[in-house]
């Protein structure tokens, strides 16, 4: 479902080189490493948000950086969900309106059971600016899952959550990829959460290494 082939990228200094791996349906992978090692940049490359300097990414059999702009937008809308560390919610909207946009664009519906599990059902009428960082994070997770994507990319998805809620979110993500035949790529500093993924990789010294 997801394949990285000899990826490399650099900004002011080399971030990673010759990164290759494959991820099959119902598999999850965690990418760990120190701050500045390139974890988030790698996730952006894998999720179509940033072109690599070298190598290729295949999603559902397509080389994503050879797709037309129209087909790339279609892939993003229908098959890819990204949980950002900074949320990127529509700040002038209510929580419910944020979810409704995702449902409208992907022709799905809001899952009330999911809202209850995330503890956000009673927040739907509140403006995003009225919510705490942890509440916004849970709204952003619900927004992504509302799209019903085949691939979920998550950058520190539990960074603003308490431990109990963080592990509940991992339960939800694991259940989602299992029941929707999907994949999860997660960037995290939390080794306990990383251990919940089927594959764990360390990004260090410009190389991505399988550690478990």
N, C-alpha and C. Protein backbone atom coordinates (compact mmCIF):
# COMPACT_ATOMS: atom_id res chain seq x y z
N UNK A 1 0.82 -1.21 0.00
CA UNK A 1 0.00 0.00 0.00
C UNK A 1 0.85 1.26 0.00
N UNK A 2 1.95 1.25 0.79
CA UNK A 2 2.88 2.37 0.84
C UNK A 2 4.29 1.84 0.64
N UNK A 3 5.01 2.46 -0.28
CA UNK A 3 6.38 2.03 -0.54
C UNK A 3 7.26 3.26 -0.73
N UNK A 4 8.36 3.29 0.02
CA UNK A 4 9.38 4.32 -0.14
C UNK A 4 10.58 3.70 -0.83
N UNK A 5 11.10 4.41 -1.83
CA UNK A 5 12.20 3.88 -2.63
C UNK A 5 13.36 4.89 -2.68
N UNK A 6 14.40 4.61 -1.89
CA UNK A 6 15.64 5.39 -1.94
C UNK A 6 15.41 6.90 -1.78
N UNK A 7 14.59 7.26 -0.82
CA UNK A 7 14.27 8.67 -0.60
C UNK A 7 15.45 9.42 0.00
N UNK A 8 15.62 10.66 -0.45
CA UNK A 8 16.61 11.54 0.16
C UNK A 8 16.06 12.95 0.16
N UNK A 9 16.50 13.72 1.15
CA UNK A 9 16.07 15.13 1.20
C UNK A 9 17.06 15.91 2.06
N UNK A 10 17.15 17.20 1.75
CA UNK A 10 18.03 18.09 2.49
C UNK A 10 17.44 19.48 2.54
N UNK A 11 17.75 20.23 3.59
CA UNK A 11 17.45 21.66 3.65
C UNK A 11 18.80 22.38 3.68
N UNK A 12 19.17 22.94 4.80
CA UNK A 12 20.49 23.54 4.91
C UNK A 12 21.56 22.47 5.14
N UNK A 13 21.11 21.28 5.52
CA UNK A 13 22.02 20.16 5.74
C UNK A 13 21.26 18.88 5.40
N UNK A 14 21.94 17.78 5.10
CA UNK A 14 21.24 16.54 4.74
C UNK A 14 20.38 16.03 5.90
N UNK A 15 19.15 15.65 5.58
CA UNK A 15 18.24 15.12 6.61
C UNK A 15 18.20 13.60 6.57
N UNK A 16 17.95 13.05 5.39
CA UNK A 16 17.94 11.59 5.28
C UNK A 16 18.33 11.20 3.87
N UNK A 17 18.81 9.96 3.76
CA UNK A 17 19.31 9.47 2.49
C UNK A 17 19.01 7.98 2.34
N UNK A 18 18.63 7.57 1.13
CA UNK A 18 18.42 6.16 0.79
C UNK A 18 17.41 5.48 1.72
N UNK A 19 16.30 6.17 1.99
CA UNK A 19 15.24 5.60 2.84
C UNK A 19 14.32 4.73 2.00
N UNK A 20 14.20 3.47 2.40
CA UNK A 20 13.34 2.52 1.68
C UNK A 20 12.61 1.64 2.68
N UNK A 21 11.34 1.39 2.44
CA UNK A 21 10.55 0.46 3.25
C UNK A 21 9.23 0.21 2.54
N UNK A 22 8.51 -0.80 2.99
CA UNK A 22 7.15 -1.06 2.49
C UNK A 22 6.21 -1.24 3.67
N UNK A 23 4.96 -0.87 3.47
CA UNK A 23 3.93 -1.00 4.50
C UNK A 23 2.70 -1.59 3.84
N UNK A 24 2.22 -2.68 4.40
CA UNK A 24 1.07 -3.39 3.84
C UNK A 24 -0.21 -3.00 4.57
N UNK A 25 -1.39 -3.29 3.98
CA UNK A 25 -2.66 -3.02 4.65
C UNK A 25 -2.69 -3.64 6.05
N UNK A 26 -3.26 -2.89 6.99
CA UNK A 26 -3.41 -3.27 8.40
C UNK A 26 -2.10 -3.23 9.16
N UNK A 27 -1.06 -2.64 8.57
CA UNK A 27 0.20 -2.47 9.28
C UNK A 27 0.37 -1.04 9.76
N UNK A 28 1.12 -0.88 10.84
CA UNK A 28 1.44 0.43 11.38
C UNK A 28 2.94 0.53 11.58
N UNK A 29 3.46 1.74 11.44
CA UNK A 29 4.89 1.95 11.69
C UNK A 29 5.09 3.25 12.46
N UNK A 30 6.05 3.21 13.36
CA UNK A 30 6.43 4.41 14.12
C UNK A 30 7.81 4.83 13.69
N UNK A 31 8.01 6.14 13.58
CA UNK A 31 9.32 6.72 13.28
C UNK A 31 9.74 7.53 14.48
N UNK A 32 10.84 7.14 15.11
CA UNK A 32 11.35 7.86 16.26
C UNK A 32 12.73 8.43 15.93
N UNK A 33 13.18 9.36 16.75
CA UNK A 33 14.48 10.00 16.55
C UNK A 33 14.51 11.32 17.28
N UNK A 34 15.68 11.90 17.42
CA UNK A 34 15.83 13.15 18.15
C UNK A 34 15.24 14.30 17.34
N UNK A 35 14.95 15.39 18.00
CA UNK A 35 14.45 16.58 17.32
C UNK A 35 15.46 17.04 16.27
N UNK A 36 14.97 17.39 15.09
CA UNK A 36 15.85 17.84 14.02
C UNK A 36 16.40 16.75 13.14
N UNK A 37 16.03 15.51 13.43
CA UNK A 37 16.57 14.39 12.64
C UNK A 37 15.87 14.24 11.29
N UNK A 38 14.72 14.91 11.12
CA UNK A 38 14.03 14.85 9.83
C UNK A 38 12.77 14.02 9.83
N UNK A 39 12.27 13.66 11.01
CA UNK A 39 11.09 12.79 11.09
C UNK A 39 9.87 13.42 10.43
N UNK A 40 9.56 14.66 10.80
CA UNK A 40 8.38 15.33 10.25
C UNK A 40 8.55 15.58 8.75
N UNK A 41 9.77 15.93 8.33
CA UNK A 41 10.02 16.13 6.90
C UNK A 41 9.78 14.85 6.13
N UNK A 42 10.24 13.73 6.66
CA UNK A 42 10.02 12.44 6.01
C UNK A 42 8.53 12.15 5.90
N UNK A 43 7.78 12.43 6.98
CA UNK A 43 6.34 12.21 6.93
C UNK A 43 5.68 13.08 5.86
N UNK A 44 6.14 14.32 5.73
CA UNK A 44 5.59 15.22 4.72
C UNK A 44 5.87 14.70 3.31
N UNK A 45 7.06 14.13 3.11
CA UNK A 45 7.39 13.54 1.81
C UNK A 45 6.49 12.34 1.53
N UNK A 46 6.30 11.48 2.51
CA UNK A 46 5.49 10.27 2.34
C UNK A 46 4.02 10.60 2.10
N UNK A 47 3.55 11.72 2.64
CA UNK A 47 2.12 12.05 2.58
C UNK A 47 1.77 13.03 1.46
N UNK A 48 2.68 13.22 0.51
CA UNK A 48 2.49 14.03 -0.70
C UNK A 48 2.62 15.53 -0.46
N UNK A 49 3.02 15.95 0.72
CA UNK A 49 3.07 17.38 1.03
C UNK A 49 4.39 18.04 0.66
N UNK A 50 5.41 17.23 0.36
CA UNK A 50 6.73 17.77 0.05
C UNK A 50 7.44 16.84 -0.92
N UNK A 51 7.91 17.40 -2.03
CA UNK A 51 8.65 16.59 -2.99
C UNK A 51 10.05 16.27 -2.47
N UNK A 52 10.47 15.01 -2.56
CA UNK A 52 11.82 14.67 -2.14
C UNK A 52 12.85 15.14 -3.16
N UNK A 53 14.10 15.25 -2.74
CA UNK A 53 15.16 15.58 -3.69
C UNK A 53 15.51 14.37 -4.54
N UNK A 54 15.30 13.18 -3.98
CA UNK A 54 15.59 11.96 -4.72
C UNK A 54 14.74 10.81 -4.24
N UNK A 55 14.56 9.82 -5.11
CA UNK A 55 13.77 8.65 -4.76
C UNK A 55 12.31 8.79 -5.16
N UNK A 56 11.51 7.84 -4.70
CA UNK A 56 10.10 7.80 -5.09
C UNK A 56 9.24 7.27 -3.95
N UNK A 57 7.97 7.64 -3.99
CA UNK A 57 6.97 7.14 -3.04
C UNK A 57 5.81 6.57 -3.84
N UNK A 58 5.43 5.33 -3.53
CA UNK A 58 4.28 4.71 -4.17
C UNK A 58 3.16 4.53 -3.15
N UNK A 59 1.98 4.99 -3.51
CA UNK A 59 0.79 4.80 -2.69
C UNK A 59 -0.27 4.13 -3.55
N UNK A 60 -0.77 3.01 -3.07
CA UNK A 60 -1.77 2.24 -3.80
C UNK A 60 -1.32 1.96 -5.23
N UNK A 61 -0.02 1.73 -5.39
CA UNK A 61 0.53 1.36 -6.69
C UNK A 61 0.93 2.51 -7.58
N UNK A 62 0.64 3.75 -7.20
CA UNK A 62 0.98 4.91 -8.02
C UNK A 62 2.21 5.63 -7.48
N UNK A 63 3.12 6.01 -8.37
CA UNK A 63 4.23 6.88 -8.01
C UNK A 63 3.66 8.28 -7.83
N UNK A 64 3.52 8.71 -6.57
CA UNK A 64 2.71 9.89 -6.29
C UNK A 64 3.28 11.17 -6.87
N UNK A 65 4.61 11.23 -7.04
CA UNK A 65 5.20 12.45 -7.56
C UNK A 65 5.30 12.46 -9.08
N UNK A 66 4.66 11.47 -9.71
CA UNK A 66 4.51 11.49 -11.16
C UNK A 66 3.04 11.65 -11.56
N UNK A 67 2.16 11.77 -10.55
CA UNK A 67 0.74 11.96 -10.84
C UNK A 67 0.48 13.39 -11.32
N UNK A 68 -0.56 13.55 -12.12
CA UNK A 68 -0.99 14.89 -12.48
C UNK A 68 -1.51 15.58 -11.23
N UNK A 69 -1.58 16.91 -11.25
CA UNK A 69 -2.07 17.65 -10.09
C UNK A 69 -3.50 17.24 -9.74
N UNK A 70 -4.31 17.00 -10.77
CA UNK A 70 -5.69 16.59 -10.54
C UNK A 70 -5.76 15.25 -9.82
N UNK A 71 -4.98 14.28 -10.28
CA UNK A 71 -5.01 12.96 -9.66
C UNK A 71 -4.36 12.96 -8.28
N UNK A 72 -3.36 13.84 -8.08
CA UNK A 72 -2.74 13.95 -6.76
C UNK A 72 -3.73 14.52 -5.76
N UNK A 73 -4.49 15.52 -6.15
CA UNK A 73 -5.50 16.10 -5.27
C UNK A 73 -6.58 15.07 -4.95
N UNK A 74 -6.93 14.26 -5.94
CA UNK A 74 -7.93 13.21 -5.73
C UNK A 74 -7.42 12.18 -4.73
N UNK A 75 -6.15 11.81 -4.85
CA UNK A 75 -5.55 10.86 -3.92
C UNK A 75 -5.56 11.42 -2.50
N UNK A 76 -5.18 12.69 -2.36
CA UNK A 76 -5.18 13.31 -1.03
C UNK A 76 -6.58 13.34 -0.43
N UNK A 77 -7.55 13.68 -1.25
CA UNK A 77 -8.92 13.83 -0.75
C UNK A 77 -9.53 12.49 -0.37
N UNK A 78 -9.27 11.45 -1.15
CA UNK A 78 -9.96 10.18 -0.98
C UNK A 78 -9.20 9.15 -0.14
N UNK A 79 -7.88 9.21 -0.13
CA UNK A 79 -7.12 8.09 0.45
C UNK A 79 -6.15 8.45 1.55
N UNK A 80 -5.86 9.75 1.75
CA UNK A 80 -4.82 10.15 2.70
C UNK A 80 -5.41 11.04 3.79
N UNK A 81 -5.05 10.74 5.02
CA UNK A 81 -5.42 11.59 6.15
C UNK A 81 -4.17 11.94 6.94
N UNK A 82 -4.01 13.22 7.27
CA UNK A 82 -2.82 13.67 8.01
C UNK A 82 -3.25 14.32 9.32
N UNK A 83 -2.74 13.80 10.41
CA UNK A 83 -2.95 14.40 11.73
C UNK A 83 -1.71 15.23 12.04
N UNK A 84 -1.87 16.56 12.01
CA UNK A 84 -0.75 17.46 12.21
C UNK A 84 -0.54 17.76 13.69
N UNK A 85 0.70 18.03 14.04
CA UNK A 85 1.02 18.41 15.41
C UNK A 85 0.38 19.74 15.79
N UNK A 86 0.19 20.63 14.79
CA UNK A 86 -0.37 21.95 15.05
C UNK A 86 -1.88 22.04 14.75
N UNK A 87 -2.51 20.91 14.50
CA UNK A 87 -3.96 20.79 14.31
C UNK A 87 -4.48 21.31 12.98
N UNK A 88 -4.22 22.60 12.67
CA UNK A 88 -4.69 23.22 11.43
C UNK A 88 -6.20 23.11 11.26
N UNK A 89 -6.94 23.33 12.33
CA UNK A 89 -8.39 23.38 12.25
C UNK A 89 -8.81 24.75 11.70
N UNK A 90 -10.03 24.82 11.17
CA UNK A 90 -10.59 26.10 10.73
C UNK A 90 -11.01 26.87 11.98
N UNK A 91 -10.27 27.88 12.32
CA UNK A 91 -10.41 28.51 13.63
C UNK A 91 -11.69 29.32 13.77
N UNK A 92 -12.27 29.77 12.66
CA UNK A 92 -13.52 30.51 12.75
C UNK A 92 -14.73 29.61 12.81
N UNK A 93 -14.52 28.30 12.72
CA UNK A 93 -15.61 27.33 12.71
C UNK A 93 -15.78 26.68 14.07
N UNK A 94 -16.93 26.07 14.26
CA UNK A 94 -17.14 25.24 15.45
C UNK A 94 -16.47 23.88 15.21
N UNK A 95 -16.37 23.10 16.27
CA UNK A 95 -15.82 21.75 16.14
C UNK A 95 -16.63 20.93 15.14
N UNK A 96 -17.95 21.02 15.25
CA UNK A 96 -18.81 20.26 14.36
C UNK A 96 -18.64 20.68 12.91
N UNK A 97 -18.50 21.97 12.67
CA UNK A 97 -18.33 22.47 11.30
C UNK A 97 -17.02 21.98 10.71
N UNK A 98 -15.98 21.86 11.53
CA UNK A 98 -14.72 21.30 11.04
C UNK A 98 -14.91 19.86 10.57
N UNK A 99 -15.67 19.09 11.32
CA UNK A 99 -15.93 17.69 10.93
C UNK A 99 -16.84 17.62 9.71
N UNK A 100 -17.79 18.54 9.64
CA UNK A 100 -18.72 18.54 8.51
C UNK A 100 -18.01 18.83 7.19
N UNK A 101 -17.00 19.68 7.22
CA UNK A 101 -16.22 19.94 6.01
C UNK A 101 -15.56 18.66 5.52
N UNK A 102 -14.94 17.92 6.44
CA UNK A 102 -14.28 16.66 6.07
C UNK A 102 -15.29 15.65 5.53
N UNK A 103 -16.46 15.59 6.17
CA UNK A 103 -17.50 14.65 5.72
C UNK A 103 -18.01 15.03 4.34
N UNK A 104 -18.19 16.32 4.10
CA UNK A 104 -18.69 16.78 2.81
C UNK A 104 -17.70 16.49 1.69
N UNK A 105 -16.41 16.78 1.93
CA UNK A 105 -15.40 16.60 0.89
C UNK A 105 -15.16 15.13 0.55
N UNK A 106 -15.39 14.25 1.51
CA UNK A 106 -15.14 12.83 1.28
C UNK A 106 -16.41 12.01 1.15
N UNK A 107 -17.58 12.68 1.16
CA UNK A 107 -18.87 12.02 1.01
C UNK A 107 -19.06 10.93 2.07
N UNK A 108 -18.79 11.30 3.33
CA UNK A 108 -18.97 10.38 4.45
C UNK A 108 -19.88 11.07 5.48
N UNK A 109 -20.00 10.46 6.63
CA UNK A 109 -20.81 11.05 7.70
C UNK A 109 -20.02 11.03 9.00
N UNK A 110 -20.42 11.87 9.92
CA UNK A 110 -19.76 11.96 11.22
C UNK A 110 -20.18 10.77 12.08
N UNK A 111 -19.19 10.11 12.67
CA UNK A 111 -19.42 8.92 13.49
C UNK A 111 -19.62 9.35 14.95
N UNK A 112 -20.85 9.29 15.41
CA UNK A 112 -21.16 9.72 16.79
C UNK A 112 -20.45 8.84 17.81
N UNK A 113 -20.30 7.56 17.50
CA UNK A 113 -19.61 6.66 18.42
C UNK A 113 -18.15 7.08 18.59
N UNK A 114 -17.53 7.50 17.49
CA UNK A 114 -16.14 7.97 17.56
C UNK A 114 -16.03 9.22 18.43
N UNK A 115 -16.99 10.13 18.28
CA UNK A 115 -16.97 11.36 19.08
C UNK A 115 -17.04 11.03 20.57
N UNK A 116 -17.87 10.07 20.91
CA UNK A 116 -17.99 9.67 22.31
C UNK A 116 -16.71 9.03 22.83
N UNK A 117 -16.09 8.20 22.01
CA UNK A 117 -14.85 7.53 22.44
C UNK A 117 -13.73 8.53 22.64
N UNK A 118 -13.71 9.57 21.81
CA UNK A 118 -12.69 10.61 21.94
C UNK A 118 -13.04 11.65 23.01
N UNK A 119 -14.24 11.56 23.55
CA UNK A 119 -14.66 12.48 24.59
C UNK A 119 -14.91 13.89 24.09
N UNK A 120 -15.39 14.01 22.85
CA UNK A 120 -15.60 15.34 22.27
C UNK A 120 -17.04 15.57 21.82
N UNK A 121 -17.93 14.64 22.12
CA UNK A 121 -19.33 14.77 21.66
C UNK A 121 -19.98 16.05 22.20
N UNK A 122 -19.58 16.47 23.41
CA UNK A 122 -20.20 17.65 24.01
C UNK A 122 -19.49 18.95 23.61
N UNK A 123 -18.52 18.85 22.70
CA UNK A 123 -17.77 20.04 22.27
C UNK A 123 -18.19 20.53 20.89
N UNK A 124 -19.14 19.85 20.26
CA UNK A 124 -19.42 20.09 18.86
C UNK A 124 -19.84 21.52 18.55
N UNK A 125 -20.51 22.18 19.47
CA UNK A 125 -21.00 23.54 19.20
C UNK A 125 -20.03 24.64 19.63
N UNK A 126 -18.90 24.23 20.18
CA UNK A 126 -17.92 25.21 20.61
C UNK A 126 -17.02 25.62 19.44
N UNK A 127 -16.62 26.89 19.43
CA UNK A 127 -15.66 27.37 18.46
C UNK A 127 -14.28 26.77 18.77
N UNK A 128 -13.50 26.57 17.74
CA UNK A 128 -12.16 26.01 17.93
C UNK A 128 -11.36 26.85 18.92
N UNK A 129 -11.51 28.17 18.86
CA UNK A 129 -10.76 29.07 19.74
C UNK A 129 -11.16 28.93 21.21
N UNK A 130 -12.26 28.25 21.48
CA UNK A 130 -12.70 28.04 22.86
C UNK A 130 -12.17 26.73 23.43
N UNK A 131 -11.47 25.96 22.63
CA UNK A 131 -11.02 24.63 23.03
C UNK A 131 -9.56 24.63 23.47
N UNK A 132 -9.23 23.72 24.37
CA UNK A 132 -7.84 23.55 24.80
C UNK A 132 -7.05 22.86 23.69
N UNK A 133 -5.72 22.84 23.85
CA UNK A 133 -4.88 22.17 22.87
C UNK A 133 -5.21 20.69 22.74
N UNK A 134 -5.46 20.03 23.87
CA UNK A 134 -5.81 18.62 23.84
C UNK A 134 -7.14 18.37 23.16
N UNK A 135 -8.11 19.25 23.41
CA UNK A 135 -9.42 19.11 22.76
C UNK A 135 -9.29 19.32 21.25
N UNK A 136 -8.51 20.31 20.85
CA UNK A 136 -8.30 20.54 19.42
C UNK A 136 -7.62 19.34 18.77
N UNK A 137 -6.69 18.73 19.48
CA UNK A 137 -6.02 17.55 18.93
C UNK A 137 -7.01 16.42 18.69
N UNK A 138 -7.94 16.22 19.62
CA UNK A 138 -8.93 15.15 19.45
C UNK A 138 -9.91 15.48 18.32
N UNK A 139 -10.23 16.76 18.14
CA UNK A 139 -11.07 17.16 17.01
C UNK A 139 -10.34 16.87 15.70
N UNK A 140 -9.05 17.17 15.65
CA UNK A 140 -8.29 16.95 14.42
C UNK A 140 -8.19 15.46 14.10
N UNK A 141 -8.10 14.62 15.11
CA UNK A 141 -8.07 13.17 14.90
C UNK A 141 -9.41 12.69 14.36
N UNK A 142 -10.50 13.20 14.96
CA UNK A 142 -11.83 12.84 14.47
C UNK A 142 -12.04 13.31 13.04
N UNK A 143 -11.51 14.48 12.70
CA UNK A 143 -11.66 15.01 11.34
C UNK A 143 -10.99 14.09 10.33
N UNK A 144 -9.80 13.61 10.65
CA UNK A 144 -9.10 12.71 9.74
C UNK A 144 -9.84 11.38 9.59
N UNK A 145 -10.30 10.81 10.70
CA UNK A 145 -10.97 9.52 10.62
C UNK A 145 -12.33 9.64 9.94
N UNK A 146 -12.94 10.81 9.98
CA UNK A 146 -14.20 11.03 9.29
C UNK A 146 -14.03 10.87 7.78
N UNK A 147 -12.84 11.17 7.27
CA UNK A 147 -12.56 11.03 5.84
C UNK A 147 -12.52 9.58 5.38
N UNK A 148 -12.32 8.63 6.31
CA UNK A 148 -12.15 7.21 6.00
C UNK A 148 -10.97 6.98 5.06
N UNK A 149 -9.78 7.50 5.41
CA UNK A 149 -8.62 7.34 4.52
C UNK A 149 -8.04 5.93 4.57
N UNK A 150 -7.28 5.57 3.53
CA UNK A 150 -6.59 4.29 3.50
C UNK A 150 -5.22 4.39 4.17
N UNK A 151 -4.67 5.60 4.19
CA UNK A 151 -3.39 5.83 4.86
C UNK A 151 -3.53 7.00 5.81
N UNK A 152 -3.09 6.79 7.05
CA UNK A 152 -3.10 7.85 8.05
C UNK A 152 -1.65 8.18 8.39
N UNK A 153 -1.30 9.47 8.28
CA UNK A 153 0.01 9.96 8.68
C UNK A 153 -0.20 10.85 9.90
N UNK A 154 0.50 10.54 10.98
CA UNK A 154 0.26 11.23 12.24
C UNK A 154 1.57 11.75 12.82
N UNK A 155 1.66 13.07 13.00
CA UNK A 155 2.85 13.71 13.55
C UNK A 155 2.59 14.05 15.01
N UNK A 156 3.17 13.26 15.90
CA UNK A 156 2.96 13.43 17.35
C UNK A 156 1.46 13.55 17.66
N UNK A 157 0.66 12.56 17.28
CA UNK A 157 -0.80 12.69 17.42
C UNK A 157 -1.30 12.77 18.85
N UNK A 158 -0.47 12.37 19.81
CA UNK A 158 -0.91 12.38 21.21
C UNK A 158 -0.09 13.36 22.04
N UNK A 159 0.63 14.26 21.38
CA UNK A 159 1.54 15.16 22.09
C UNK A 159 0.86 16.07 23.10
N UNK A 160 -0.41 16.43 22.86
CA UNK A 160 -1.13 17.33 23.76
C UNK A 160 -2.12 16.60 24.68
N UNK A 161 -2.00 15.28 24.74
CA UNK A 161 -2.98 14.49 25.47
C UNK A 161 -2.37 13.87 26.73
N UNK A 162 -3.21 13.66 27.74
CA UNK A 162 -2.75 12.94 28.92
C UNK A 162 -2.56 11.47 28.56
N UNK A 163 -1.87 10.74 29.42
CA UNK A 163 -1.49 9.36 29.11
C UNK A 163 -2.69 8.47 28.82
N UNK A 164 -3.74 8.58 29.64
CA UNK A 164 -4.92 7.73 29.44
C UNK A 164 -5.57 8.00 28.09
N UNK A 165 -5.73 9.27 27.75
CA UNK A 165 -6.34 9.62 26.47
C UNK A 165 -5.45 9.22 25.31
N UNK A 166 -4.12 9.36 25.48
CA UNK A 166 -3.18 8.98 24.43
C UNK A 166 -3.31 7.51 24.08
N UNK A 167 -3.42 6.67 25.09
CA UNK A 167 -3.53 5.24 24.81
C UNK A 167 -4.91 4.89 24.24
N UNK A 168 -5.93 5.64 24.61
CA UNK A 168 -7.25 5.43 24.01
C UNK A 168 -7.22 5.81 22.54
N UNK A 169 -6.52 6.90 22.20
CA UNK A 169 -6.38 7.29 20.80
C UNK A 169 -5.65 6.21 20.02
N UNK A 170 -4.61 5.62 20.60
CA UNK A 170 -3.90 4.53 19.92
C UNK A 170 -4.82 3.34 19.71
N UNK A 171 -5.66 3.04 20.70
CA UNK A 171 -6.64 1.95 20.53
C UNK A 171 -7.54 2.24 19.33
N UNK A 172 -8.00 3.48 19.22
CA UNK A 172 -8.89 3.87 18.13
C UNK A 172 -8.19 3.76 16.79
N UNK A 173 -6.94 4.23 16.70
CA UNK A 173 -6.20 4.17 15.45
C UNK A 173 -5.91 2.73 15.04
N UNK A 174 -5.54 1.90 16.01
CA UNK A 174 -5.28 0.49 15.71
C UNK A 174 -6.54 -0.21 15.22
N UNK A 175 -7.65 0.07 15.87
CA UNK A 175 -8.92 -0.52 15.46
C UNK A 175 -9.31 -0.04 14.07
N UNK A 176 -9.04 1.24 13.79
CA UNK A 176 -9.40 1.79 12.48
C UNK A 176 -8.64 1.09 11.36
N UNK A 177 -7.32 0.98 11.48
CA UNK A 177 -6.55 0.39 10.38
C UNK A 177 -6.89 -1.10 10.20
N UNK A 178 -7.28 -1.74 11.29
CA UNK A 178 -7.66 -3.15 11.19
C UNK A 178 -9.00 -3.31 10.49
N UNK A 179 -9.97 -2.49 10.84
CA UNK A 179 -11.32 -2.66 10.29
C UNK A 179 -11.48 -2.01 8.91
N UNK A 180 -10.59 -1.07 8.56
CA UNK A 180 -10.70 -0.40 7.25
C UNK A 180 -9.58 -0.81 6.30
N UNK A 181 -8.82 -1.84 6.68
CA UNK A 181 -7.73 -2.34 5.82
C UNK A 181 -6.80 -1.20 5.44
N UNK A 182 -6.47 -0.38 6.43
CA UNK A 182 -5.69 0.84 6.21
C UNK A 182 -4.29 0.69 6.80
N UNK A 183 -3.49 1.75 6.70
CA UNK A 183 -2.13 1.80 7.25
C UNK A 183 -1.96 3.05 8.10
N UNK A 184 -1.02 2.97 9.04
CA UNK A 184 -0.70 4.11 9.90
C UNK A 184 0.80 4.34 9.91
N UNK A 185 1.22 5.58 9.65
CA UNK A 185 2.61 6.01 9.82
C UNK A 185 2.59 7.10 10.88
N UNK A 186 3.31 6.86 11.98
CA UNK A 186 3.27 7.78 13.11
C UNK A 186 4.67 8.24 13.49
N UNK A 187 4.83 9.56 13.61
CA UNK A 187 6.05 10.15 14.16
C UNK A 187 5.80 10.42 15.63
N UNK A 188 6.69 9.95 16.50
CA UNK A 188 6.47 10.13 17.92
C UNK A 188 7.79 10.12 18.69
N UNK A 189 7.80 10.83 19.83
CA UNK A 189 8.92 10.75 20.76
C UNK A 189 8.63 9.72 21.86
N UNK A 190 7.39 9.26 21.92
CA UNK A 190 6.95 8.37 23.01
C UNK A 190 7.21 6.92 22.63
N UNK A 191 8.21 6.32 23.24
CA UNK A 191 8.59 4.95 22.89
C UNK A 191 7.50 3.94 23.29
N UNK A 192 6.69 4.30 24.29
CA UNK A 192 5.60 3.40 24.67
C UNK A 192 4.55 3.34 23.57
N UNK A 193 4.25 4.48 22.96
CA UNK A 193 3.30 4.49 21.85
C UNK A 193 3.92 3.84 20.62
N UNK A 194 5.20 4.11 20.39
CA UNK A 194 5.88 3.51 19.24
C UNK A 194 5.82 1.99 19.31
N UNK A 195 5.92 1.45 20.53
CA UNK A 195 5.91 -0.01 20.70
C UNK A 195 4.58 -0.63 20.32
N UNK A 196 3.54 0.19 20.22
CA UNK A 196 2.22 -0.32 19.83
C UNK A 196 2.15 -0.57 18.31
N UNK A 197 3.09 -0.02 17.57
CA UNK A 197 3.10 -0.19 16.12
C UNK A 197 3.80 -1.50 15.74
N UNK A 198 3.38 -2.07 14.63
CA UNK A 198 3.95 -3.34 14.19
C UNK A 198 5.42 -3.19 13.84
N UNK A 199 5.78 -2.04 13.25
CA UNK A 199 7.17 -1.79 12.89
C UNK A 199 7.62 -0.49 13.54
N UNK A 200 8.85 -0.50 14.04
CA UNK A 200 9.42 0.71 14.64
C UNK A 200 10.75 1.02 13.96
N UNK A 201 10.89 2.27 13.52
CA UNK A 201 12.09 2.70 12.82
C UNK A 201 12.74 3.85 13.58
N UNK A 202 14.06 3.89 13.52
CA UNK A 202 14.83 5.00 14.08
C UNK A 202 15.44 5.79 12.93
N UNK A 203 15.19 7.11 12.92
CA UNK A 203 15.81 8.00 11.94
C UNK A 203 16.97 8.70 12.64
N UNK A 204 18.18 8.36 12.23
CA UNK A 204 19.39 8.92 12.86
C UNK A 204 20.53 8.88 11.86
N UNK A 205 21.39 9.88 11.92
CA UNK A 205 22.54 9.95 11.03
C UNK A 205 22.16 9.78 9.58
N UNK A 206 21.03 10.39 9.20
CA UNK A 206 20.52 10.45 7.83
C UNK A 206 19.97 9.12 7.32
N UNK A 207 19.87 8.12 8.19
CA UNK A 207 19.38 6.80 7.74
C UNK A 207 18.20 6.35 8.59
N UNK A 208 17.28 5.64 7.95
CA UNK A 208 16.13 5.06 8.64
C UNK A 208 16.40 3.58 8.84
N UNK A 209 16.41 3.16 10.10
CA UNK A 209 16.76 1.77 10.42
C UNK A 209 15.62 1.09 11.16
N UNK A 210 15.27 -0.12 10.76
CA UNK A 210 14.26 -0.91 11.45
C UNK A 210 14.84 -1.40 12.78
N UNK A 211 14.16 -1.08 13.87
CA UNK A 211 14.65 -1.50 15.18
C UNK A 211 13.79 -2.59 15.79
N UNK A 212 12.59 -2.80 15.22
CA UNK A 212 11.74 -3.90 15.70
C UNK A 212 10.64 -4.17 14.68
